[in-house]
Amino acid sequence: MKTRVPNDTRKDIDMDNLEDRCNSVRAQLKEIDERVRGMMKDARFTGEQSFNGQHAEMKANIMLAVRHIEDARMRVGKILQYADDGVSILDKQ
């Protein structure tokens, strides 16, 4: 079964193909990562803080969210790795 995944610029995704699904999810996570990182440039950070440490706490939570997204992307990559030969693509270079 082929389907178009929202916000995925790649071809139609074969939902019965694990590699296609993993690559689609990784592409979507990359986009989400970039959007979350963009929050660091929000105009709110140039204004006054409502309380001491407000901006620092907000930025820290943005970066924690980014780290979790990066981890999810890596874990989906591990699905691809172990569905293949179990060797990291980085070790094949």
N, C-alpha and C. Protein backbone atom coordinates (compact mmCIF):
# COMPACT_ATOMS: atom_id res chain seq x y z
N MET A 1 0.84 -1.17 0.00
CA MET A 1 0.00 0.00 0.00
C MET A 1 0.89 1.24 0.00
N LYS A 2 0.68 2.12 -0.97
CA LYS A 2 1.45 3.35 -1.03
C LYS A 2 0.60 4.49 -0.52
N THR A 3 1.24 5.43 0.13
CA THR A 3 0.52 6.58 0.65
C THR A 3 1.44 7.78 0.65
N ARG A 4 0.86 8.95 0.63
CA ARG A 4 1.62 10.20 0.72
C ARG A 4 1.63 10.60 2.18
N VAL A 5 2.82 10.76 2.73
CA VAL A 5 2.97 11.14 4.12
C VAL A 5 3.01 12.67 4.20
N PRO A 6 2.19 13.30 5.05
CA PRO A 6 2.19 14.76 5.15
C PRO A 6 3.58 15.31 5.45
N ASN A 7 3.94 16.39 4.81
CA ASN A 7 5.21 17.10 5.00
C ASN A 7 6.43 16.31 4.56
N ASP A 8 6.23 15.24 3.82
CA ASP A 8 7.36 14.47 3.32
C ASP A 8 7.52 14.81 1.85
N THR A 9 8.67 15.35 1.49
CA THR A 9 8.90 15.79 0.12
C THR A 9 9.34 14.65 -0.78
N ARG A 10 9.56 13.47 -0.21
CA ARG A 10 9.98 12.33 -1.00
C ARG A 10 8.80 11.77 -1.79
N LYS A 11 9.09 10.76 -2.58
CA LYS A 11 8.06 10.09 -3.37
C LYS A 11 7.00 9.47 -2.47
N ASP A 12 5.99 8.91 -3.08
CA ASP A 12 4.99 8.18 -2.29
C ASP A 12 5.70 7.09 -1.49
N ILE A 13 5.26 6.90 -0.28
CA ILE A 13 5.90 5.96 0.63
C ILE A 13 5.18 4.62 0.55
N ASP A 14 5.96 3.57 0.39
CA ASP A 14 5.41 2.21 0.42
C ASP A 14 5.31 1.80 1.89
N MET A 15 4.10 1.85 2.42
CA MET A 15 3.91 1.59 3.84
C MET A 15 4.17 0.13 4.21
N ASP A 16 4.32 -0.72 3.23
CA ASP A 16 4.68 -2.11 3.49
C ASP A 16 6.19 -2.31 3.49
N ASN A 17 6.93 -1.25 3.18
CA ASN A 17 8.38 -1.32 3.10
C ASN A 17 8.98 -0.61 4.31
N LEU A 18 9.60 -1.38 5.20
CA LEU A 18 10.14 -0.82 6.44
C LEU A 18 11.16 0.28 6.17
N GLU A 19 12.03 0.08 5.19
CA GLU A 19 13.06 1.08 4.89
C GLU A 19 12.42 2.41 4.47
N ASP A 20 11.42 2.35 3.60
CA ASP A 20 10.72 3.57 3.19
C ASP A 20 10.07 4.27 4.38
N ARG A 21 9.43 3.48 5.22
CA ARG A 21 8.76 4.07 6.39
C ARG A 21 9.77 4.70 7.34
N CYS A 22 10.87 4.02 7.60
CA CYS A 22 11.90 4.57 8.49
C CYS A 22 12.49 5.85 7.91
N ASN A 23 12.80 5.83 6.62
CA ASN A 23 13.37 7.02 6.00
C ASN A 23 12.39 8.19 6.01
N SER A 24 11.12 7.90 5.85
CA SER A 24 10.09 8.94 5.91
C SER A 24 10.02 9.55 7.31
N VAL A 25 10.00 8.69 8.31
CA VAL A 25 9.94 9.17 9.70
C VAL A 25 11.19 9.99 10.02
N ARG A 26 12.35 9.52 9.59
CA ARG A 26 13.59 10.27 9.85
C ARG A 26 13.55 11.64 9.17
N ALA A 27 13.01 11.72 7.97
CA ALA A 27 12.91 13.01 7.27
C ALA A 27 11.96 13.95 8.02
N GLN A 28 10.87 13.41 8.52
CA GLN A 28 9.93 14.23 9.28
C GLN A 28 10.54 14.69 10.60
N LEU A 29 11.28 13.82 11.27
CA LEU A 29 11.94 14.20 12.51
C LEU A 29 12.97 15.30 12.27
N LYS A 30 13.68 15.24 11.14
CA LYS A 30 14.66 16.26 10.80
C LYS A 30 13.96 17.62 10.64
N GLU A 31 12.82 17.61 9.98
CA GLU A 31 12.05 18.85 9.81
C GLU A 31 11.58 19.39 11.16
N ILE A 32 11.09 18.51 12.01
CA ILE A 32 10.64 18.92 13.34
C ILE A 32 11.82 19.48 14.13
N ASP A 33 12.98 18.85 14.03
CA ASP A 33 14.19 19.32 14.70
C ASP A 33 14.48 20.76 14.30
N GLU A 34 14.44 21.04 13.01
CA GLU A 34 14.74 22.39 12.52
C GLU A 34 13.71 23.39 13.01
N ARG A 35 12.44 22.99 13.06
CA ARG A 35 11.39 23.89 13.53
C ARG A 35 11.54 24.18 15.02
N VAL A 36 11.89 23.16 15.80
CA VAL A 36 12.06 23.37 17.24
C VAL A 36 13.29 24.25 17.48
N ARG A 37 14.40 23.99 16.77
CA ARG A 37 15.58 24.84 16.92
C ARG A 37 15.27 26.30 16.59
N GLY A 38 14.39 26.50 15.62
CA GLY A 38 13.99 27.86 15.24
C GLY A 38 13.32 28.62 16.37
N MET A 39 12.77 27.92 17.32
CA MET A 39 12.15 28.58 18.48
C MET A 39 13.15 29.40 19.27
N MET A 40 14.44 29.05 19.18
CA MET A 40 15.48 29.79 19.90
C MET A 40 15.57 31.24 19.43
N LYS A 41 15.05 31.53 18.24
CA LYS A 41 15.13 32.87 17.67
C LYS A 41 13.84 33.66 17.86
N ASP A 42 12.95 33.15 18.70
CA ASP A 42 11.67 33.81 18.92
C ASP A 42 11.88 35.21 19.49
N ALA A 43 11.06 36.14 19.05
CA ALA A 43 11.17 37.54 19.50
C ALA A 43 11.00 37.68 21.01
N ARG A 44 10.35 36.72 21.62
CA ARG A 44 10.13 36.78 23.07
C ARG A 44 11.46 36.87 23.84
N PHE A 45 12.52 36.30 23.28
CA PHE A 45 13.81 36.29 23.98
C PHE A 45 14.48 37.66 23.97
N THR A 46 14.03 38.58 23.14
CA THR A 46 14.62 39.93 23.13
C THR A 46 13.88 40.86 24.08
N GLY A 47 12.74 40.42 24.59
CA GLY A 47 11.95 41.24 25.50
C GLY A 47 12.29 40.99 26.96
N GLU A 48 11.53 41.62 27.80
CA GLU A 48 11.71 41.48 29.24
C GLU A 48 11.26 40.09 29.70
N GLN A 49 11.92 39.61 30.72
CA GLN A 49 11.52 38.35 31.34
C GLN A 49 10.43 38.63 32.38
N SER A 50 9.49 37.73 32.53
CA SER A 50 8.46 37.87 33.55
C SER A 50 9.02 37.56 34.93
N PHE A 51 10.07 36.74 34.95
CA PHE A 51 10.74 36.40 36.20
C PHE A 51 12.18 36.01 35.88
N ASN A 52 13.05 36.09 36.87
CA ASN A 52 14.46 35.76 36.65
C ASN A 52 14.60 34.31 36.17
N GLY A 53 15.41 34.14 35.15
CA GLY A 53 15.69 32.81 34.63
C GLY A 53 14.66 32.28 33.64
N GLN A 54 13.63 33.08 33.33
CA GLN A 54 12.58 32.61 32.43
C GLN A 54 13.14 32.23 31.07
N HIS A 55 13.91 33.12 30.46
CA HIS A 55 14.44 32.85 29.12
C HIS A 55 15.41 31.67 29.13
N ALA A 56 16.25 31.60 30.13
CA ALA A 56 17.20 30.49 30.22
C ALA A 56 16.47 29.16 30.34
N GLU A 57 15.40 29.14 31.13
CA GLU A 57 14.62 27.91 31.31
C GLU A 57 13.93 27.52 30.01
N MET A 58 13.40 28.49 29.30
CA MET A 58 12.74 28.21 28.02
C MET A 58 13.75 27.65 27.02
N LYS A 59 14.92 28.28 26.93
CA LYS A 59 15.95 27.82 25.99
C LYS A 59 16.45 26.42 26.36
N ALA A 60 16.60 26.18 27.65
CA ALA A 60 17.05 24.85 28.10
C ALA A 60 16.04 23.78 27.69
N ASN A 61 14.76 24.08 27.82
CA ASN A 61 13.73 23.11 27.44
C ASN A 61 13.65 22.92 25.93
N ILE A 62 13.91 23.97 25.18
CA ILE A 62 13.97 23.83 23.72
C ILE A 62 15.09 22.87 23.35
N MET A 63 16.25 23.05 23.95
CA MET A 63 17.38 22.18 23.63
C MET A 63 17.16 20.75 24.10
N LEU A 64 16.48 20.57 25.23
CA LEU A 64 16.13 19.21 25.67
C LEU A 64 15.20 18.55 24.66
N ALA A 65 14.24 19.32 24.14
CA ALA A 65 13.34 18.77 23.13
C ALA A 65 14.13 18.37 21.88
N VAL A 66 15.09 19.21 21.47
CA VAL A 66 15.92 18.91 20.31
C VAL A 66 16.70 17.62 20.54
N ARG A 67 17.26 17.45 21.71
CA ARG A 67 18.04 16.24 22.01
C ARG A 67 17.15 14.99 21.92
N HIS A 68 15.93 15.10 22.40
CA HIS A 68 15.02 13.95 22.33
C HIS A 68 14.64 13.64 20.88
N ILE A 69 14.46 14.67 20.08
CA ILE A 69 14.15 14.46 18.66
C ILE A 69 15.34 13.81 17.97
N GLU A 70 16.55 14.30 18.27
CA GLU A 70 17.76 13.69 17.70
C GLU A 70 17.87 12.23 18.10
N ASP A 71 17.55 11.93 19.35
CA ASP A 71 17.61 10.55 19.83
C ASP A 71 16.59 9.68 19.09
N ALA A 72 15.39 10.20 18.90
CA ALA A 72 14.37 9.43 18.18
C ALA A 72 14.82 9.17 16.75
N ARG A 73 15.42 10.16 16.11
CA ARG A 73 15.90 9.99 14.74
C ARG A 73 17.00 8.92 14.68
N MET A 74 17.89 8.94 15.66
CA MET A 74 18.96 7.95 15.72
C MET A 74 18.39 6.55 15.95
N ARG A 75 17.38 6.44 16.82
CA ARG A 75 16.78 5.14 17.11
C ARG A 75 16.10 4.56 15.88
N VAL A 76 15.45 5.40 15.10
CA VAL A 76 14.83 4.92 13.86
C VAL A 76 15.93 4.48 12.89
N GLY A 77 17.06 5.19 12.89
CA GLY A 77 18.21 4.77 12.09
C GLY A 77 18.72 3.40 12.51
N LYS A 78 18.66 3.14 13.81
CA LYS A 78 19.09 1.82 14.32
C LYS A 78 18.16 0.72 13.83
N ILE A 79 16.88 1.03 13.65
CA ILE A 79 15.96 0.04 13.08
C ILE A 79 16.46 -0.34 11.69
N LEU A 80 16.82 0.66 10.89
CA LEU A 80 17.35 0.40 9.55
C LEU A 80 18.64 -0.42 9.62
N GLN A 81 19.52 -0.04 10.56
CA GLN A 81 20.80 -0.73 10.70
C GLN A 81 20.60 -2.21 10.98
N TYR A 82 19.74 -2.52 11.94
CA TYR A 82 19.57 -3.91 12.34
C TYR A 82 18.64 -4.68 11.41
N ALA A 83 17.86 -3.97 10.60
CA ALA A 83 17.07 -4.65 9.58
C ALA A 83 17.96 -5.08 8.42
N ASP A 84 19.13 -4.43 8.32
CA ASP A 84 20.09 -4.74 7.27
C ASP A 84 21.11 -5.74 7.81
N ASP A 85 22.36 -5.33 7.90
CA ASP A 85 23.42 -6.25 8.32
C ASP A 85 23.92 -5.98 9.74
N GLY A 86 23.31 -5.00 10.44
CA GLY A 86 23.70 -4.72 11.81
C GLY A 86 24.92 -3.84 11.96
N VAL A 87 25.51 -3.43 10.83
CA VAL A 87 26.70 -2.58 10.87
C VAL A 87 26.29 -1.15 10.60
N SER A 88 26.76 -0.23 11.43
CA SER A 88 26.43 1.18 11.26
C SER A 88 26.96 1.68 9.92
N ILE A 89 26.18 2.55 9.29
CA ILE A 89 26.60 3.14 8.03
C ILE A 89 27.89 3.94 8.22
N LEU A 90 28.11 4.47 9.43
CA LEU A 90 29.32 5.23 9.71
C LEU A 90 30.55 4.31 9.71
N ASP A 91 30.37 3.05 10.11
CA ASP A 91 31.49 2.10 10.12
C ASP A 91 31.80 1.55 8.73
N LYS A 92 30.90 1.77 7.77
CA LYS A 92 31.11 1.27 6.41
C LYS A 92 31.91 2.24 5.55
N GLN A 93 32.12 3.44 6.04
CA GLN A 93 32.82 4.46 5.25
C GLN A 93 34.30 4.27 5.27
